[in-house]
Every structure is written in structure tokens, then in C-alpha cells.
PDB file of N, CA and C in Angstrom:
ATOM      1  N   MET A   1      36.482   5.586  41.746  1.00  0.00           N
ATOM      2  CA  MET A   1      35.709   5.078  42.272  1.00  0.00           C
ATOM      3  C   MET A   1      35.151   4.764  41.473  1.00  0.00           C
ATOM      4  N   THR A   2      35.256   3.545  40.770  1.00  0.00           N
ATOM      5  CA  THR A   2      34.254   3.667  39.491  1.00  0.00           C
ATOM      6  C   THR A   2      32.818   2.530  39.989  1.00  0.00           C
ATOM      7  N   SER A   3      32.229   2.104  38.830  1.00  0.00           N
ATOM      8  CA  SER A   3      30.593   1.581  39.019  1.00  0.00           C
ATOM      9  C   SER A   3      30.245   1.928  37.667  1.00  0.00           C
ATOM     10  N   ASN A   4      29.052   0.874  37.580  1.00  0.00           N
ATOM     11  CA  ASN A   4      28.137   0.748  36.488  1.00  0.00           C
ATOM     12  C   ASN A   4      26.777   1.211  36.296  1.00  0.00           C
ATOM     13  N   LEU A   5      26.616   1.676  35.056  1.00  0.00           N
ATOM     14  CA  LEU A   5      25.652   1.991  34.681  1.00  0.00           C
ATOM     15  C   LEU A   5      25.630   1.638  33.354  1.00  0.00           C
ATOM     16  N   SER A   6      24.175   1.432  32.880  1.00  0.00           N
ATOM     17  CA  SER A   6      23.875   0.789  31.983  1.00  0.00           C
ATOM     18  C   SER A   6      23.392   1.578  30.342  1.00  0.00           C
ATOM     19  N   VAL A   7      23.736   1.362  29.031  1.00  0.00           N
ATOM     20  CA  VAL A   7      23.509   2.283  28.506  1.00  0.00           C
ATOM     21  C   VAL A   7      22.698   1.463  27.320  1.00  0.00           C
ATOM     22  N   ALA A   8      21.487   1.566  26.701  1.00  0.00           N
ATOM     23  CA  ALA A   8      20.957   0.474  25.179  1.00  0.00           C
ATOM     24  C   ALA A   8      21.326  -0.887  26.120  1.00  0.00           C
ATOM     25  N   GLY A   9      21.299  -1.027  27.025  1.00  0.00           N
ATOM     26  CA  GLY A   9      21.345  -2.334  27.661  1.00  0.00           C
ATOM     27  C   GLY A   9      22.743  -2.764  28.037  1.00  0.00           C
ATOM     28  N   GLN A  10      23.601  -2.141  27.716  1.00  0.00           N
ATOM     29  CA  GLN A  10      25.331  -2.366  27.827  1.00  0.00           C
ATOM     30  C   GLN A  10      25.467  -1.449  29.379  1.00  0.00           C
ATOM     31  N   SER A  11      26.618  -3.005  30.079  1.00  0.00           N
ATOM     32  CA  SER A  11      26.694  -2.520  30.952  1.00  0.00           C
ATOM     33  C   SER A  11      28.087  -1.530  30.783  1.00  0.00           C
ATOM     34  N   CYS A  12      28.395  -0.688  31.239  1.00  0.00           N
ATOM     35  CA  CYS A  12      29.677  -0.221  30.948  1.00  0.00           C
ATOM     36  C   CYS A  12      30.859   1.361  31.975  1.00  0.00           C
ATOM     37  N   PRO A  13      31.025   1.220  32.662  1.00  0.00           N
ATOM     38  CA  PRO A  13      32.136   1.772  33.211  1.00  0.00           C
ATOM     39  C   PRO A  13      31.603   3.487  33.707  1.00  0.00           C
ATOM     40  N   THR A  14      32.208   3.928  34.227  1.00  0.00           N
ATOM     41  CA  THR A  14      32.112   5.234  34.851  1.00  0.00           C
ATOM     42  C   THR A  14      33.030   5.807  35.374  1.00  0.00           C
ATOM     43  N   ARG A  15      33.766   7.071  35.828  1.00  0.00           N
ATOM     44  CA  ARG A  15      34.683   7.626  36.476  1.00  0.00           C
ATOM     45  C   ARG A  15      33.701   9.278  35.952  1.00  0.00           C
ATOM     46  N   GLN A  16      33.899  10.361  37.492  1.00  0.00           N
ATOM     47  CA  GLN A  16      33.464  11.552  37.899  1.00  0.00           C
ATOM     48  C   GLN A  16      34.371  12.103  37.714  1.00  0.00           C
ATOM     49  N   VAL A  17      33.778  13.343  36.876  1.00  0.00           N
ATOM     50  CA  VAL A  17      35.246  14.407  36.248  1.00  0.00           C
ATOM     51  C   VAL A  17      33.718  15.313  36.594  1.00  0.00           C
ATOM     52  N   PHE A  18      34.519  16.144  38.086  1.00  0.00           N
ATOM     53  CA  PHE A  18      33.630  17.273  38.155  1.00  0.00           C
ATOM     54  C   PHE A  18      34.335  18.783  36.819  1.00  0.00           C
ATOM     55  N   LEU A  19      33.214  19.547  37.147  1.00  0.00           N
ATOM     56  CA  LEU A  19      32.974  20.641  36.108  1.00  0.00           C
ATOM     57  C   LEU A  19      33.762  21.935  36.760  1.00  0.00           C
ATOM     58  N   SER A  20      34.209  22.605  36.586  1.00  0.00           N
ATOM     59  CA  SER A  20      34.688  23.650  37.325  1.00  0.00           C
ATOM     60  C   SER A  20      33.748  24.687  38.527  1.00  0.00           C
ATOM     61  N   TRP A  21      32.548  24.595  37.809  1.00  0.00           N
ATOM     62  CA  TRP A  21      31.289  25.502  38.538  1.00  0.00           C
ATOM     63  C   TRP A  21      31.199  24.217  40.461  1.00  0.00           C
ATOM     64  N   GLN A  22      30.557  23.217  39.170  1.00  0.00           N
ATOM     65  CA  GLN A  22      30.783  21.567  40.563  1.00  0.00           C
ATOM     66  C   GLN A  22      31.687  21.868  42.061  1.00  0.00           C
ATOM     67  N   LYS A  23      33.058  21.953  41.381  1.00  0.00           N
ATOM     68  CA  LYS A  23      34.221  21.882  42.460  1.00  0.00           C
ATOM     69  C   LYS A  23      34.160  23.363  43.159  1.00  0.00           C
ATOM     70  N   GLN A  24      32.939  24.285  42.887  1.00  0.00           N
ATOM     71  CA  GLN A  24      32.640  25.380  43.649  1.00  0.00           C
ATOM     72  C   GLN A  24      31.332  25.718  44.054  1.00  0.00           C
ATOM     73  N   GLY A  25      31.132  24.542  44.205  1.00  0.00           N
ATOM     74  CA  GLY A  25      29.885  23.694  44.964  1.00  0.00           C
ATOM     75  C   GLY A  25      28.843  24.593  44.382  1.00  0.00           C
ATOM     76  N   LEU A  26      28.453  25.113  43.237  1.00  0.00           N
ATOM     77  CA  LEU A  26      27.667  25.717  42.206  1.00  0.00           C
ATOM     78  C   LEU A  26      26.674  24.679  41.275  1.00  0.00           C
ATOM     79  N   GLN A  27      25.235  25.471  41.483  1.00  0.00           N
ATOM     80  CA  GLN A  27      24.520  25.218  40.689  1.00  0.00           C
ATOM     81  C   GLN A  27      23.717  24.800  38.999  1.00  0.00           C
ATOM     82  N   TYR A  28      24.067  24.765  37.730  1.00  0.00           N
ATOM     83  CA  TYR A  28      24.327  25.010  36.489  1.00  0.00           C
ATOM     84  C   TYR A  28      23.171  26.025  36.495  1.00  0.00           C
ATOM     85  N   THR A  29      22.285  25.780  36.858  1.00  0.00           N
ATOM     86  CA  THR A  29      21.102  26.974  36.649  1.00  0.00           C
ATOM     87  C   THR A  29      20.438  27.287  38.310  1.00  0.00           C
ATOM     88  N   SER A  30      20.396  28.476  38.537  1.00  0.00           N
ATOM     89  CA  SER A  30      19.408  29.031  39.920  1.00  0.00           C
ATOM     90  C   SER A  30      18.271  28.439  40.306  1.00  0.00           C
ATOM     91  N   SER A  31      17.706  27.757  39.439  1.00  0.00           N
ATOM     92  CA  SER A  31      16.425  26.810  40.189  1.00  0.00           C
ATOM     93  C   SER A  31      16.655  25.435  40.781  1.00  0.00           C
ATOM     94  N   GLY A  32      17.777  24.143  39.351  1.00  0.00           N
ATOM     95  CA  GLY A  32      18.073  23.504  39.631  1.00  0.00           C
ATOM     96  C   GLY A  32      17.532  22.696  38.539  1.00  0.00           C
ATOM     97  N   TYR A  33      16.692  23.256  37.530  1.00  0.00           N
ATOM     98  CA  TYR A  33      16.011  22.377  36.976  1.00  0.00           C
ATOM     99  C   TYR A  33      16.299  23.022  35.746  1.00  0.00           C
ATOM    100  N   GLY A  34      16.134  22.391  34.383  1.00  0.00           N
ATOM    101  CA  GLY A  34      16.224  22.328  33.125  1.00  0.00           C
ATOM    102  C   GLY A  34      16.531  21.346  32.275  1.00  0.00           C
ATOM    103  N   SER A  35      17.261  20.908  30.979  1.00  0.00           N
ATOM    104  CA  SER A  35      16.700  20.405  29.834  1.00  0.00           C
ATOM    105  C   SER A  35      18.239  19.600  29.953  1.00  0.00           C
ATOM    106  N   LYS A  36      19.345  20.370  30.105  1.00  0.00           N
ATOM    107  CA  LYS A  36      20.425  19.465  29.576  1.00  0.00           C
ATOM    108  C   LYS A  36      21.493  19.940  30.200  1.00  0.00           C
ATOM    109  N   ILE A  37      21.494  19.697  32.454  1.00  0.00           N
ATOM    110  CA  ILE A  37      22.150  19.796  32.763  1.00  0.00           C
ATOM    111  C   ILE A  37      22.922  18.404  32.779  1.00  0.00           C
ATOM    112  N   PRO A  38      24.893  19.222  32.893  1.00  0.00           N
ATOM    113  CA  PRO A  38      25.844  18.517  33.109  1.00  0.00           C
ATOM    114  C   PRO A  38      25.806  17.621  34.620  1.00  0.00           C
ATOM    115  N   SER A  39      26.026  16.268  34.363  1.00  0.00           N
ATOM    116  CA  SER A  39      26.453  16.029  36.060  1.00  0.00           C
ATOM    117  C   SER A  39      28.101  15.770  35.764  1.00  0.00           C
ATOM    118  N   SER A  40      28.572  15.550  37.310  1.00  0.00           N
ATOM    119  CA  SER A  40      29.670  15.025  37.376  1.00  0.00           C
ATOM    120  C   SER A  40      30.253  13.874  36.210  1.00  0.00           C
ATOM    121  N   LYS A  41      29.641  12.595  36.158  1.00  0.00           N
ATOM    122  CA  LYS A  41      29.268  11.714  36.180  1.00  0.00           C
ATOM    123  C   LYS A  41      30.038  11.288  34.001  1.00  0.00           C
ATOM    124  N   GLN A  42      31.142  10.694  33.780  1.00  0.00           N
ATOM    125  CA  GLN A  42      31.028   9.783  32.289  1.00  0.00           C
ATOM    126  C   GLN A  42      31.432   9.051  32.249  1.00  0.00           C
ATOM    127  N   ILE A  43      30.116   8.619  30.752  1.00  0.00           N
ATOM    128  CA  ILE A  43      30.322   6.636  31.039  1.00  0.00           C
ATOM    129  C   ILE A  43      31.487   6.626  29.942  1.00  0.00           C
ATOM    130  N   PHE A  44      31.937   5.455  29.260  1.00  0.00           N
ATOM    131  CA  PHE A  44      33.002   4.565  28.496  1.00  0.00           C
ATOM    132  C   PHE A  44      31.208   4.254  28.012  1.00  0.00           C
ATOM    133  N   TYR A  45      30.837   4.201  26.706  1.00  0.00           N
ATOM    134  CA  TYR A  45      30.963   4.321  25.546  1.00  0.00           C
ATOM    135  C   TYR A  45      30.899   3.885  24.239  1.00  0.00           C
ATOM    136  N   ALA A  46      31.177   3.547  23.185  1.00  0.00           N
ATOM    137  CA  ALA A  46      30.949   3.530  21.916  1.00  0.00           C
ATOM    138  C   ALA A  46      32.729   4.099  21.884  1.00  0.00           C
ATOM    139  N   ASN A  47      33.282   3.506  22.753  1.00  0.00           N
ATOM    140  CA  ASN A  47      35.341   3.511  22.410  1.00  0.00           C
ATOM    141  C   ASN A  47      35.288   5.016  23.080  1.00  0.00           C
ATOM    142  N   ARG A  48      34.550   6.182  23.621  1.00  0.00           N
ATOM    143  CA  ARG A  48      35.168   7.153  24.462  1.00  0.00           C
ATOM    144  C   ARG A  48      34.616   7.707  25.652  1.00  0.00           C
ATOM    145  N   TRP A  49      35.105   8.390  26.405  1.00  0.00           N
ATOM    146  CA  TRP A  49      33.767   8.835  27.933  1.00  0.00           C
ATOM    147  C   TRP A  49      33.343  10.164  27.539  1.00  0.00           C
ATOM    148  N   ARG A  50      31.709   9.985  28.261  1.00  0.00           N
ATOM    149  CA  ARG A  50      30.646  10.438  27.765  1.00  0.00           C
ATOM    150  C   ARG A  50      29.588  11.496  28.862  1.00  0.00           C
ATOM    151  N   ARG A  51      29.895  12.868  28.533  1.00  0.00           N
ATOM    152  CA  ARG A  51      29.422  13.417  29.497  1.00  0.00           C
ATOM    153  C   ARG A  51      27.922  12.928  29.914  1.00  0.00           C
ATOM    154  N   VAL A  52      26.896  12.651  31.246  1.00  0.00           N
ATOM    155  CA  VAL A  52      25.682  12.194  31.458  1.00  0.00           C
ATOM    156  C   VAL A  52      25.549  13.150  32.247  1.00  0.00           C
ATOM    157  N   TYR A  53      23.891  13.325  31.305  1.00  0.00           N
ATOM    158  CA  TYR A  53      23.391  15.185  31.388  1.00  0.00           C
ATOM    159  C   TYR A  53      22.097  14.328  31.892  1.00  0.00           C
ATOM    160  N   VAL A  54      21.493  15.520  33.124  1.00  0.00           N
ATOM    161  CA  VAL A  54      20.604  15.308  33.500  1.00  0.00           C
ATOM    162  C   VAL A  54      18.964  16.147  32.912  1.00  0.00           C
ATOM    163  N   THR A  55      17.945  15.593  32.528  1.00  0.00           N
ATOM    164  CA  THR A  55      17.075  16.745  32.014  1.00  0.00           C
ATOM    165  C   THR A  55      15.749  16.666  33.451  1.00  0.00           C
ATOM    166  N   CYS A  56      16.068  17.390  33.963  1.00  0.00           N
ATOM    167  CA  CYS A  56      15.090  17.137  35.431  1.00  0.00           C
ATOM    168  C   CYS A  56      13.341  18.675  35.749  1.00  0.00           C
ATOM    169  N   PHE A  57      12.947  18.534  35.956  1.00  0.00           N
ATOM    170  CA  PHE A  57      11.826  19.491  35.975  1.00  0.00           C
ATOM    171  C   PHE A  57      11.140  18.443  37.171  1.00  0.00           C
ATOM    172  N   SER A  58      10.326  19.474  38.276  1.00  0.00           N
ATOM    173  CA  SER A  58       9.574  19.321  39.030  1.00  0.00           C
ATOM    174  C   SER A  58      10.584  18.077  39.846  1.00  0.00           C
ATOM    175  N   ASN A  59       9.823  16.933  40.942  1.00  0.00           N
ATOM    176  CA  ASN A  59      10.990  15.735  41.240  1.00  0.00           C
ATOM    177  C   ASN A  59      11.381  15.079  40.669  1.00  0.00           C
ATOM    178  N   SER A  60      11.816  15.672  39.714  1.00  0.00           N
ATOM    179  CA  SER A  60      12.294  13.970  38.639  1.00  0.00           C
ATOM    180  C   SER A  60      12.491  14.470  37.667  1.00  0.00           C
ATOM    181  N   GLY A  61      14.023  13.332  37.661  1.00  0.00           N
ATOM    182  CA  GLY A  61      14.231  13.714  36.429  1.00  0.00           C
ATOM    183  C   GLY A  61      15.511  13.208  35.907  1.00  0.00           C
ATOM    184  N   SER A  62      15.846  12.772  34.173  1.00  0.00           N
ATOM    185  CA  SER A  62      16.078  11.649  33.970  1.00  0.00           C
ATOM    186  C   SER A  62      17.880  11.467  33.410  1.00  0.00           C
ATOM    187  N   THR A  63      17.989  10.760  33.107  1.00  0.00           N
ATOM    188  CA  THR A  63      19.737  10.612  33.013  1.00  0.00           C
ATOM    189  C   THR A  63      20.272  10.234  31.819  1.00  0.00           C
ATOM    190  N   TRP A  64      20.999  10.449  30.673  1.00  0.00           N
ATOM    191  CA  TRP A  64      21.328  10.132  29.243  1.00  0.00           C
ATOM    192  C   TRP A  64      22.964  11.102  29.084  1.00  0.00           C
ATOM    193  N   VAL A  65      23.224  10.129  27.877  1.00  0.00           N
ATOM    194  CA  VAL A  65      24.452  10.927  26.619  1.00  0.00           C
ATOM    195  C   VAL A  65      24.038  10.858  25.625  1.00  0.00           C
ATOM    196  N   GLN A  66      24.903  12.433  24.512  1.00  0.00           N
ATOM    197  CA  GLN A  66      24.391  12.058  23.633  1.00  0.00           C
ATOM    198  C   GLN A  66      25.246  11.218  22.667  1.00  0.00           C
ATOM    199  N   VAL A  67      24.998  10.711  21.814  1.00  0.00           N
ATOM    200  CA  VAL A  67      26.125  10.598  20.478  1.00  0.00           C
ATOM    201  C   VAL A  67      25.449   9.827  19.229  1.00  0.00           C
ATOM    202  N   GLY A  68      26.345  10.944  18.494  1.00  0.00           N
ATOM    203  CA  GLY A  68      25.740  10.762  17.285  1.00  0.00           C
ATOM    204  C   GLY A  68      24.272  11.475  16.975  1.00  0.00           C
ATOM    205  N   GLY A  69      24.338  12.541  17.993  1.00  0.00           N
ATOM    206  CA  GLY A  69      22.930  13.905  17.368  1.00  0.00           C
ATOM    207  C   GLY A  69      22.208  13.152  18.428  1.00  0.00           C
ATOM    208  N   GLN A  70      22.059  11.939  18.849  1.00  0.00           N
ATOM    209  CA  GLN A  70      20.751  10.788  19.371  1.00  0.00           C
ATOM    210  C   GLN A  70      20.678  10.950  21.106  1.00  0.00           C
ATOM    211  N   LYS A  71      19.888  11.257  21.388  1.00  0.00           N
ATOM    212  CA  LYS A  71      20.278  10.299  23.253  1.00  0.00           C
ATOM    213  C   LYS A  71      19.728   9.591  23.556  1.00  0.00           C
ATOM    214  N   LEU A  72      20.584   8.710  24.614  1.00  0.00           N
ATOM    215  CA  LEU A  72      20.440   7.266  24.811  1.00  0.00           C
ATOM    216  C   LEU A  72      20.354   7.477  26.801  1.00  0.00           C
ATOM    217  N   ARG A  73      19.053   6.789  27.341  1.00  0.00           N
ATOM    218  CA  ARG A  73      19.284   7.024  28.731  1.00  0.00           C
ATOM    219  C   ARG A  73      20.168   6.214  28.859  1.00  0.00           C
ATOM    220  N   VAL A  74      20.523   6.546  30.150  1.00  0.00           N
ATOM    221  CA  VAL A  74      21.517   5.882  31.049  1.00  0.00           C
ATOM    222  C   VAL A  74      20.987   5.115  32.520  1.00  0.00           C
ATOM    223  N   GLU A  75      20.801   4.207  32.759  1.00  0.00           N
ATOM    224  CA  GLU A  75      20.105   3.502  34.269  1.00  0.00           C
ATOM    225  C   GLU A  75      20.931   2.585  33.946  1.00  0.00           C
ATOM    226  N   ASP A  76      21.084   1.918  35.631  1.00  0.00           N
ATOM    227  CA  ASP A  76      21.963   1.683  37.137  1.00  0.00           C
ATOM    228  C   ASP A  76      22.333   0.285  36.250  1.00  0.00           C
ATOM    229  N   ALA A  77      22.540  -0.153  36.431  1.00  0.00           N
ATOM    230  CA  ALA A  77      23.567  -1.792  35.857  1.00  0.00           C
ATOM    231  C   ALA A  77      22.465  -2.668  36.858  1.00  0.00           C
TER     232      ALA A  77
END
């Protein structure tokens, strides 16, 4: 199933691609918190599929993609 997310004000298609540890039902870290946690989502931005990452501490998380060494925030379209 594809949906749209927004990067830098541009609506982009997404897809879900699970990593091996996600298929096993595991977490990336034992606490569930971290600064660069890979999600199962990928977004098509700047002519390629990019992994969406999550920065999560406490009960709040933010989503982003890395493009040319910069973090760009991902939002609902």
C-alpha cells in the first residue's frame, strides 16, 4: 500500500520495506529510543527511494530522511 508523505513541502510516494530484524518482530534498540532508528517506510525523494528514520526520546518522535548529509523532516501530506 502506498501513501504520500511530505519532504520539504513536496508530496512524495512511500512504500513499506521491512528490514530483517523488523520481520522478526524485534526493536532496533532494547529501550526503543535512539537518534537514528530505521523505520519500515521508504520515501521516493530526489529521484531515489530513501529510508525514513526516527529520532525518539521519551514519548515523542520525529521522522526524517538523510539527503546529502542533511536531515530533512518528513511530515504527513
